[in-house]
Amino acid sequence: MMGKEYRVSIATLTDYHLQDFIRCPYQFYFHHIEGKSAAQHNWRKMVQFVINQVVSRYYKLPLESQTTKTVMELIDEHWRVIDVRQFESKIQYYLALAKISDHLNQFLTSGKNEYPPLFLYEKLNMTIDELGTDLSLTLEVAEWSSNSFIIKKYLVDTTEDMNILFIHMISVFCQKAFGQLPERIEIISLMDGKLKPYIPIMEDVSDGLEYLNIIKNLLQQPKNYLKTDCATVCSSCSYQKRCYEGINMNHEDVIMQ
């Protein structure tokens, strides 16, 4: 990669920044550092937006209204913002719709909670001294449990690297912010219908701080960014042409908020 070397100064580590960085550092660079908006939206981001809207509205409903019929109505209402042209083909579009609808309905209606969620798409921010930055995390769904609380993440899809990121971020943030770890973390991948449950322990906090410091140091040095080797990420990426041209680092030092 050619061009002037510079560093990214980080005021806040956010979950969506780190998620994008883990998925592909090049894609992260084009979008968050250069601030380039691609002409074509990434279909995953649009589908994730729909999922967030459906889950949020579902959990706000009274228990008697939390039904399969309601889930399907909410999906139908919000899916209209998605353009089939954002997908590689109509087949991919309809497969995504079918899988997301089926699995979202399955996971939302599998259990009933007597009480409203502790958190529902709450964006929280806290200074973490060990990181030298703030840590910003959105708690999509936090449900009460008998001894503590359960964190649930409803995602389009995920990878093992993503799961590791989420587990570390949630463990560190909850212990620092609430003085308590979740009883369980559930990461739900809606494209394949898989649920990854994880019971955090105190060692995850120290491991998480070490992990986040490593990611922070990597993120600060664009000259060391590498393209993803994941074909599924590349095939749906809106920055493919820019990616082939490479990163031209002709900026002064950048401060990420």
Protein backbone atom coordinates (compact mmCIF):
# COMPACT_ATOMS: atom_id res chain seq x y z
CA MET A 1 0.00 0.00 0.00
CA MET A 2 1.52 3.29 -1.09
CA GLY A 3 1.07 6.79 0.26
CA LYS A 4 1.77 8.81 3.38
CA GLU A 5 1.86 6.83 6.60
CA TYR A 6 -0.44 8.07 9.31
CA ARG A 7 -2.26 6.82 12.38
CA VAL A 8 -5.90 6.77 13.33
CA SER A 9 -6.54 8.32 16.74
CA ILE A 10 -9.47 6.69 18.45
CA ALA A 11 -11.69 8.65 20.81
CA THR A 12 -14.28 5.87 21.09
CA LEU A 13 -14.23 2.18 20.22
CA THR A 14 -17.71 1.37 18.96
CA ASP A 15 -19.20 -2.03 18.30
CA TYR A 16 -20.16 -1.18 14.72
CA HIS A 17 -16.66 0.14 13.92
CA LEU A 18 -15.05 -3.02 15.25
CA GLN A 19 -17.60 -5.27 13.58
CA ASP A 20 -16.86 -3.66 10.20
CA PHE A 21 -13.11 -3.83 10.86
CA ILE A 22 -13.28 -7.55 11.69
CA ARG A 23 -15.37 -8.22 8.57
CA CYS A 24 -12.87 -6.44 6.29
CA PRO A 25 -10.27 -3.76 7.19
CA TYR A 26 -10.33 -2.37 3.61
CA GLN A 27 -14.11 -1.96 3.68
CA PHE A 28 -13.79 -0.32 7.12
CA TYR A 29 -11.17 2.10 5.76
CA PHE A 30 -13.20 3.21 2.75
CA HIS A 31 -16.38 3.74 4.74
CA HIS A 32 -15.28 5.02 8.15
CA ILE A 33 -11.95 6.72 7.48
CA GLU A 34 -12.36 8.05 3.94
CA GLY A 35 -16.05 8.53 4.59
CA LYS A 36 -16.93 7.25 1.13
CA SER A 37 -20.56 6.25 0.72
CA ALA A 38 -20.94 3.52 -1.85
CA ALA A 39 -23.55 4.01 -4.53
CA GLN A 40 -24.98 0.60 -3.73
CA HIS A 41 -25.84 -0.19 -0.13
CA ASN A 42 -24.57 -3.43 1.31
CA TRP A 43 -27.59 -5.74 1.46
CA ARG A 44 -26.50 -7.10 4.83
CA LYS A 45 -26.66 -3.64 6.39
CA MET A 46 -30.13 -3.04 4.98
CA VAL A 47 -31.37 -6.44 6.19
CA GLN A 48 -29.80 -5.80 9.60
CA PHE A 49 -31.70 -2.52 9.78
CA VAL A 50 -34.96 -4.39 9.13
CA ILE A 51 -34.12 -7.01 11.76
CA ASN A 52 -33.45 -4.28 14.33
CA GLN A 53 -36.78 -2.61 13.59
CA VAL A 54 -38.76 -5.85 13.79
CA VAL A 55 -37.12 -7.05 17.01
CA SER A 56 -37.49 -3.67 18.70
CA ARG A 57 -41.17 -3.35 17.84
CA TYR A 58 -41.90 -6.97 18.75
CA TYR A 59 -40.47 -6.65 22.26
CA LYS A 60 -42.52 -3.51 22.88
CA LEU A 61 -45.76 -5.35 22.21
CA PRO A 62 -47.93 -6.77 25.01
CA LEU A 63 -47.47 -10.51 25.55
CA GLU A 64 -50.77 -11.43 23.91
CA SER A 65 -49.65 -9.70 20.69
CA GLN A 66 -46.26 -11.44 20.49
CA THR A 67 -47.33 -14.03 17.93
CA THR A 68 -46.10 -15.56 14.69
CA LYS A 69 -48.68 -13.54 12.78
CA THR A 70 -47.34 -10.30 14.27
CA VAL A 71 -43.74 -11.19 13.42
CA MET A 72 -44.65 -11.83 9.79
CA GLU A 73 -46.64 -8.59 9.60
CA LEU A 74 -43.71 -6.60 10.99
CA ILE A 75 -41.27 -8.21 8.55
CA ASP A 76 -43.60 -7.50 5.64
CA GLU A 77 -43.95 -3.86 6.70
CA HIS A 78 -40.25 -3.15 7.14
CA TRP A 79 -38.86 -5.31 4.32
CA ARG A 80 -40.31 -2.84 1.82
CA VAL A 81 -37.28 -0.55 2.27
CA ILE A 82 -35.04 -3.21 0.72
CA ASP A 83 -34.44 -3.03 -3.02
CA VAL A 84 -33.97 -6.35 -4.81
CA ARG A 85 -31.22 -4.66 -6.87
CA GLN A 86 -29.01 -4.53 -3.77
CA PHE A 87 -28.65 -8.30 -4.06
CA GLU A 88 -26.60 -10.28 -6.54
CA SER A 89 -29.78 -11.88 -7.91
CA LYS A 90 -33.51 -12.23 -7.29
CA ILE A 91 -32.83 -15.75 -6.03
CA GLN A 92 -30.51 -14.40 -3.33
CA TYR A 93 -33.11 -11.76 -2.42
CA TYR A 94 -35.93 -14.27 -1.95
CA LEU A 95 -33.70 -16.77 -0.15
CA ALA A 96 -32.66 -14.04 2.31
CA LEU A 97 -36.27 -13.03 2.86
CA ALA A 98 -37.36 -16.62 3.45
CA LYS A 99 -34.51 -17.50 5.81
CA ILE A 100 -34.67 -14.27 7.82
CA SER A 101 -38.45 -14.53 8.16
CA ASP A 102 -38.40 -18.18 9.20
CA HIS A 103 -35.57 -17.95 11.71
CA LEU A 104 -36.57 -14.57 13.17
CA ASN A 105 -40.05 -15.92 13.81
CA GLN A 106 -38.59 -19.08 15.34
CA PHE A 107 -36.33 -17.28 17.82
CA LEU A 108 -38.71 -14.46 18.74
CA THR A 109 -41.69 -16.69 19.51
CA SER A 110 -39.81 -19.56 21.20
CA GLY A 111 -40.17 -18.05 24.66
CA LYS A 112 -42.29 -15.51 26.48
CA ASN A 113 -40.95 -13.08 29.06
CA GLU A 114 -43.28 -11.83 31.73
CA TYR A 115 -41.33 -8.60 32.10
CA PRO A 116 -40.21 -6.04 29.51
CA PRO A 117 -36.54 -6.21 28.50
CA LEU A 118 -33.96 -4.60 30.76
CA PHE A 119 -32.46 -2.96 27.67
CA LEU A 120 -33.81 -2.72 24.13
CA TYR A 121 -31.44 -1.28 21.53
CA GLU A 122 -29.82 0.97 24.13
CA LYS A 123 -26.54 2.58 23.04
CA LEU A 124 -24.30 2.91 26.09
CA ASN A 125 -20.93 4.58 26.47
CA MET A 126 -18.26 4.25 29.15
CA THR A 127 -14.63 5.26 29.64
CA ILE A 128 -12.37 2.22 29.98
CA ASP A 129 -9.10 3.29 31.60
CA GLU A 130 -7.25 0.15 30.54
CA LEU A 131 -8.01 0.95 26.88
CA GLY A 132 -7.37 4.69 27.10
CA THR A 133 -10.62 5.27 25.20
CA ASP A 134 -14.36 5.17 25.60
CA LEU A 135 -16.15 1.95 24.73
CA SER A 136 -19.54 2.26 23.03
CA LEU A 137 -21.86 -0.71 22.85
CA THR A 138 -25.46 -1.18 21.73
CA LEU A 139 -27.31 -3.72 23.85
CA GLU A 140 -29.93 -4.98 21.42
CA VAL A 141 -31.91 -7.11 23.85
CA ALA A 142 -31.13 -7.68 27.54
CA GLU A 143 -33.69 -9.88 29.28
CA TRP A 144 -34.04 -10.48 33.00
CA SER A 145 -33.03 -13.90 34.26
CA SER A 146 -33.33 -15.55 37.67
CA ASN A 147 -29.87 -14.42 38.82
CA SER A 148 -28.76 -11.73 36.39
CA PHE A 149 -29.62 -10.91 32.78
CA ILE A 150 -29.24 -12.43 29.33
CA ILE A 151 -27.84 -10.50 26.35
CA LYS A 152 -29.23 -11.42 22.93
CA LYS A 153 -27.86 -10.30 19.58
CA TYR A 154 -30.00 -10.85 16.46
CA LEU A 155 -27.68 -10.73 13.43
CA VAL A 156 -28.00 -11.34 9.69
CA ASP A 157 -25.04 -13.68 9.91
CA THR A 158 -21.85 -13.98 11.88
CA THR A 159 -18.42 -15.63 11.93
CA GLU A 160 -16.32 -17.09 14.72
CA ASP A 161 -14.19 -13.93 14.71
CA MET A 162 -17.34 -11.83 15.11
CA ASN A 163 -18.54 -14.01 17.97
CA ILE A 164 -15.22 -13.59 19.76
CA LEU A 165 -15.46 -9.80 19.32
CA PHE A 166 -19.00 -9.64 20.72
CA ILE A 167 -18.21 -11.89 23.70
CA HIS A 168 -15.17 -9.80 24.63
CA MET A 169 -16.94 -6.45 24.20
CA ILE A 170 -20.03 -7.50 26.15
CA SER A 171 -18.02 -9.08 28.97
CA VAL A 172 -15.78 -6.04 29.41
CA PHE A 173 -18.58 -3.50 29.12
CA CYS A 174 -21.04 -5.23 31.47
CA GLN A 175 -18.45 -5.83 34.18
CA LYS A 176 -17.16 -2.24 34.01
CA ALA A 177 -20.58 -0.59 33.67
CA PHE A 178 -22.77 -2.79 35.87
CA GLY A 179 -20.25 -4.59 38.07
CA GLN A 180 -21.77 -7.85 36.87
CA LEU A 181 -21.42 -10.25 33.97
CA PRO A 182 -24.46 -11.45 32.02
CA GLU A 183 -25.70 -14.88 32.99
CA ARG A 184 -25.53 -15.79 29.31
CA ILE A 185 -24.78 -14.25 25.92
CA GLU A 186 -26.77 -15.51 22.93
CA ILE A 187 -25.58 -14.67 19.42
CA ILE A 188 -28.25 -15.51 16.85
CA SER A 189 -27.35 -15.87 13.16
CA LEU A 190 -30.58 -15.55 11.21
CA MET A 191 -29.40 -16.60 7.75
CA ASP A 192 -28.48 -20.09 8.97
CA GLY A 193 -30.73 -20.24 12.04
CA LYS A 194 -27.88 -20.96 14.46
CA LEU A 195 -27.70 -19.79 18.07
CA LYS A 196 -24.37 -19.58 19.86
CA PRO A 197 -24.84 -19.50 23.64
CA TYR A 198 -21.95 -18.45 25.85
CA ILE A 199 -21.63 -18.22 29.63
CA PRO A 200 -19.04 -15.52 30.44
CA ILE A 201 -16.61 -15.79 33.35
CA MET A 202 -14.36 -13.19 35.00
CA GLU A 203 -11.36 -14.32 32.94
CA ASP A 204 -13.24 -13.07 29.87
CA VAL A 205 -12.90 -9.51 31.19
CA SER A 206 -9.09 -9.56 31.37
CA ASP A 207 -8.91 -11.50 28.10
CA GLY A 208 -11.33 -9.02 26.56
CA LEU A 209 -9.26 -6.00 27.60
CA GLU A 210 -6.17 -7.58 26.06
CA TYR A 211 -8.09 -8.45 22.89
CA LEU A 212 -9.57 -4.95 22.53
CA ASN A 213 -6.15 -3.35 23.02
CA ILE A 214 -4.76 -5.53 20.21
CA ILE A 215 -7.65 -4.59 17.91
CA LYS A 216 -7.25 -0.91 18.82
CA ASN A 217 -3.53 -1.02 17.92
CA LEU A 218 -4.28 -2.76 14.62
CA LEU A 219 -7.00 -0.27 13.77
CA GLN A 220 -4.67 2.68 14.40
CA GLN A 221 -2.24 1.59 11.66
CA PRO A 222 -3.88 1.57 8.19
CA LYS A 223 -0.57 0.72 6.53
CA ASN A 224 -0.96 -2.76 7.99
CA TYR A 225 -4.57 -3.31 6.92
CA LEU A 226 -5.22 -6.49 4.95
CA LYS A 227 -8.11 -7.35 2.67
CA THR A 228 -10.50 -10.01 3.82
CA ASP A 229 -10.11 -13.44 2.24
CA CYS A 230 -13.82 -14.18 2.67
CA ALA A 231 -15.48 -14.63 -0.73
CA THR A 232 -18.98 -14.01 0.61
CA VAL A 233 -17.94 -10.64 2.05
CA CYS A 234 -16.22 -9.59 -1.18
CA SER A 235 -19.09 -10.70 -3.42
CA SER A 236 -21.54 -8.33 -1.73
CA CYS A 237 -19.10 -5.47 -1.11
CA SER A 238 -19.88 -2.09 -2.64
CA TYR A 239 -16.22 -1.08 -2.71
CA GLN A 240 -14.87 -3.78 -5.02
CA LYS A 241 -13.47 -1.33 -7.60
CA ARG A 242 -11.79 0.78 -4.93
CA CYS A 243 -10.41 -2.36 -3.34
CA TYR A 244 -8.60 -3.35 -6.54
CA GLU A 245 -7.13 0.16 -6.74
CA GLY A 246 -5.81 -0.15 -3.19
CA ILE A 247 -5.76 2.23 -0.25
CA ASN A 248 -4.13 5.58 -0.93
CA MET A 249 -3.24 7.00 2.46
CA ASN A 250 -2.88 10.68 1.70
CA HIS A 251 -4.60 11.95 4.84
CA GLU A 252 -3.30 13.69 7.89
CA ASP A 253 -3.83 11.84 11.16
CA VAL A 254 -7.51 11.06 11.61
CA ILE A 255 -9.44 11.16 14.89
CA MET A 256 -12.28 8.64 15.01
CA GLN A 257 -15.13 9.61 17.31
